[in-house]
Structure formats: structure tokens, C-alpha cells
C-alpha atoms as a PDB file:
ATOM      1  CA  MET A   1      71.239 107.852  68.587  1.00  0.00           C
ATOM      2  CA  GLY A   2      68.299 108.022  70.992  1.00  0.00           C
ATOM      3  CA  VAL A   3      67.696 110.253  73.957  1.00  0.00           C
ATOM      4  CA  THR A   4      69.140 108.909  77.206  1.00  0.00           C
ATOM      5  CA  ASN A   5      66.824 109.303  80.166  1.00  0.00           C
ATOM      6  CA  LYS A   6      68.881 110.287  83.182  1.00  0.00           C
ATOM      7  CA  LEU A   7      65.893 109.933  85.481  1.00  0.00           C
ATOM      8  CA  ARG A   8      64.100 106.662  86.031  1.00  0.00           C
ATOM      9  CA  PRO A   9      60.973 106.192  88.173  1.00  0.00           C
ATOM     10  CA  ASN A  10      62.680 103.691  90.493  1.00  0.00           C
ATOM     11  CA  ASP A  11      62.449 103.635  94.290  1.00  0.00           C
ATOM     12  CA  GLU A  12      65.749 105.467  94.803  1.00  0.00           C
ATOM     13  CA  THR A  13      64.809 108.357  92.501  1.00  0.00           C
ATOM     14  CA  LEU A  14      61.282 108.641  93.899  1.00  0.00           C
ATOM     15  CA  GLN A  15      62.586 108.693  97.486  1.00  0.00           C
ATOM     16  CA  LEU A  16      65.073 111.400  96.572  1.00  0.00           C
ATOM     17  CA  ILE A  17      62.345 113.465  94.871  1.00  0.00           C
ATOM     18  CA  THR A  18      60.173 113.126  97.989  1.00  0.00           C
ATOM     19  CA  ALA A  19      63.074 114.161 100.235  1.00  0.00           C
ATOM     20  CA  LEU A  20      63.932 117.180  98.085  1.00  0.00           C
ATOM     21  CA  ALA A  21      60.324 118.358  98.077  1.00  0.00           C
ATOM     22  CA  ALA A  22      60.158 117.794 101.854  1.00  0.00           C
ATOM     23  CA  ILE A  23      62.992 120.289 102.402  1.00  0.00           C
ATOM     24  CA  MET A  24      61.102 122.715 100.152  1.00  0.00           C
ATOM     25  CA  ALA A  25      63.674 122.592  97.367  1.00  0.00           C
ATOM     26  CA  THR A  26      62.630 124.395  94.209  1.00  0.00           C
ATOM     27  CA  LYS A  27      62.425 122.380  91.009  1.00  0.00           C
ATOM     28  CA  ALA A  28      65.659 124.069  89.879  1.00  0.00           C
ATOM     29  CA  GLU A  29      67.390 123.016  93.118  1.00  0.00           C
ATOM     30  CA  ALA A  30      65.962 119.501  92.904  1.00  0.00           C
ATOM     31  CA  ALA A  31      67.098 119.170  89.305  1.00  0.00           C
ATOM     32  CA  ALA A  32      70.612 120.253  90.278  1.00  0.00           C
ATOM     33  CA  ALA A  33      70.670 117.695  93.098  1.00  0.00           C
ATOM     34  CA  LEU A  34      69.532 115.015  90.647  1.00  0.00           C
ATOM     35  CA  GLY A  35      72.169 116.050  88.104  1.00  0.00           C
ATOM     36  CA  VAL A  36      69.740 117.111  85.363  1.00  0.00           C
ATOM     37  CA  HIS A  37      68.410 120.329  83.883  1.00  0.00           C
ATOM     38  CA  GLU A  38      65.233 121.789  85.337  1.00  0.00           C
ATOM     39  CA  GLY A  39      63.365 121.118  82.086  1.00  0.00           C
ATOM     40  CA  THR A  40      64.346 117.453  82.308  1.00  0.00           C
ATOM     41  CA  LEU A  41      62.882 117.213  85.817  1.00  0.00           C
ATOM     42  CA  ARG A  42      59.702 119.014  84.753  1.00  0.00           C
ATOM     43  CA  SER A  43      59.274 116.633  81.801  1.00  0.00           C
ATOM     44  CA  PHE A  44      59.927 113.647  84.053  1.00  0.00           C
ATOM     45  CA  LEU A  45      57.267 114.824  86.504  1.00  0.00           C
ATOM     46  CA  LYS A  46      54.790 115.289  83.642  1.00  0.00           C
ATOM     47  CA  ARG A  47      55.476 111.820  82.217  1.00  0.00           C
ATOM     48  CA  HIS A  48      55.465 109.825  85.455  1.00  0.00           C
ATOM     49  CA  GLU A  49      52.515 110.008  87.820  1.00  0.00           C
ATOM     50  CA  GLU A  50      54.458 108.266  90.580  1.00  0.00           C
ATOM     51  CA  ALA A  51      57.095 111.015  90.392  1.00  0.00           C
ATOM     52  CA  ARG A  52      54.388 113.719  90.635  1.00  0.00           C
ATOM     53  CA  LEU A  53      52.952 111.919  93.661  1.00  0.00           C
ATOM     54  CA  ALA A  54      56.416 111.709  95.245  1.00  0.00           C
ATOM     55  CA  TRP A  55      56.893 115.479  94.736  1.00  0.00           C
ATOM     56  CA  ALA A  56      53.432 116.229  96.148  1.00  0.00           C
ATOM     57  CA  SER A  57      54.001 113.906  99.111  1.00  0.00           C
ATOM     58  CA  GLY A  58      57.223 115.702  99.995  1.00  0.00           C
ATOM     59  CA  HIS A  59      55.487 119.071  99.842  1.00  0.00           C
ATOM     60  CA  VAL A  60      52.724 117.836 102.147  1.00  0.00           C
ATOM     61  CA  LYS A  61      55.333 116.635 104.655  1.00  0.00           C
ATOM     62  CA  ALA A  62      57.048 120.020 104.541  1.00  0.00           C
ATOM     63  CA  THR A  63      53.771 121.893 104.970  1.00  0.00           C
ATOM     64  CA  VAL A  64      52.754 119.783 107.966  1.00  0.00           C
ATOM     65  CA  HIS A  65      56.149 120.362 109.561  1.00  0.00           C
ATOM     66  CA  VAL A  66      55.870 124.132 109.082  1.00  0.00           C
ATOM     67  CA  TYR A  67      52.352 124.197 110.551  1.00  0.00           C
ATOM     68  CA  ARG A  68      53.474 122.191 113.578  1.00  0.00           C
ATOM     69  CA  CYS A  69      56.397 124.554 114.169  1.00  0.00           C
ATOM     70  CA  GLN A  70      54.153 127.596 113.824  1.00  0.00           C
ATOM     71  CA  ARG A  71      51.650 126.116 116.263  1.00  0.00           C
ATOM     72  CA  ARG A  72      54.369 125.292 118.784  1.00  0.00           C
ATOM     73  CA  LEU A  73      55.719 128.851 118.580  1.00  0.00           C
ATOM     74  CA  ALA A  74      52.233 130.338 118.888  1.00  0.00           C
ATOM     75  CA  LEU A  75      51.518 128.272 121.991  1.00  0.00           C
ATOM     76  CA  LYS A  76      54.807 129.348 123.576  1.00  0.00           C
ATOM     77  CA  ALA A  77      53.975 132.990 122.914  1.00  0.00           C
ATOM     78  CA  ARG A  78      50.638 132.830 124.759  1.00  0.00           C
ATOM     79  CA  PRO A  79      50.522 134.940 127.903  1.00  0.00           C
ATOM     80  CA  GLY A  80      50.554 132.845 131.068  1.00  0.00           C
ATOM     81  CA  ARG A  81      52.191 129.861 129.367  1.00  0.00           C
ATOM     82  CA  GLY A  82      55.755 128.668 129.495  1.00  0.00           C
END
């Protein structure tokens, strides 16, 4: 009996990985959402470049969103503005 891969690098999985990274989910949280163990997700990310890129893309989106929110709050806090 061979090992069954629960994760496949198809569009649906890659979009979900991107979305999970974009909400700043940890790998443990993402694995739980995908229905696999954390080690399975880590192995999947190591084996599939497109999955690593999806994870990285989600993190970039999250980082940009945080920076924009911080900037907006900083501008509101300026004296003489608002």
C-alpha cells in the first residue's frame, strides 16, 4: 500500500494556501484548515514550488494590508489632521 497524498498542487489547493497565508494563519492552523498534519503541509511546501509561491504570495498580501492600515492610522493621528 502506497502513501496517499491528501494535498495536490491544483488551483483550488493553491488558492486556499494563498488565502490562509493572507490571513496570517500559522502553518499549524493552515494544516488544520486543509485537513492534514502540519508535517504534511511542510513536506508539501518543500516538494512543490508553486505551493511555496502561493504561501509567500499570501504573506506578501497580508504584509501590504498591515502596512496600509498602519499608515492610515498614523495619518489620522497626526496633529491638525482629521
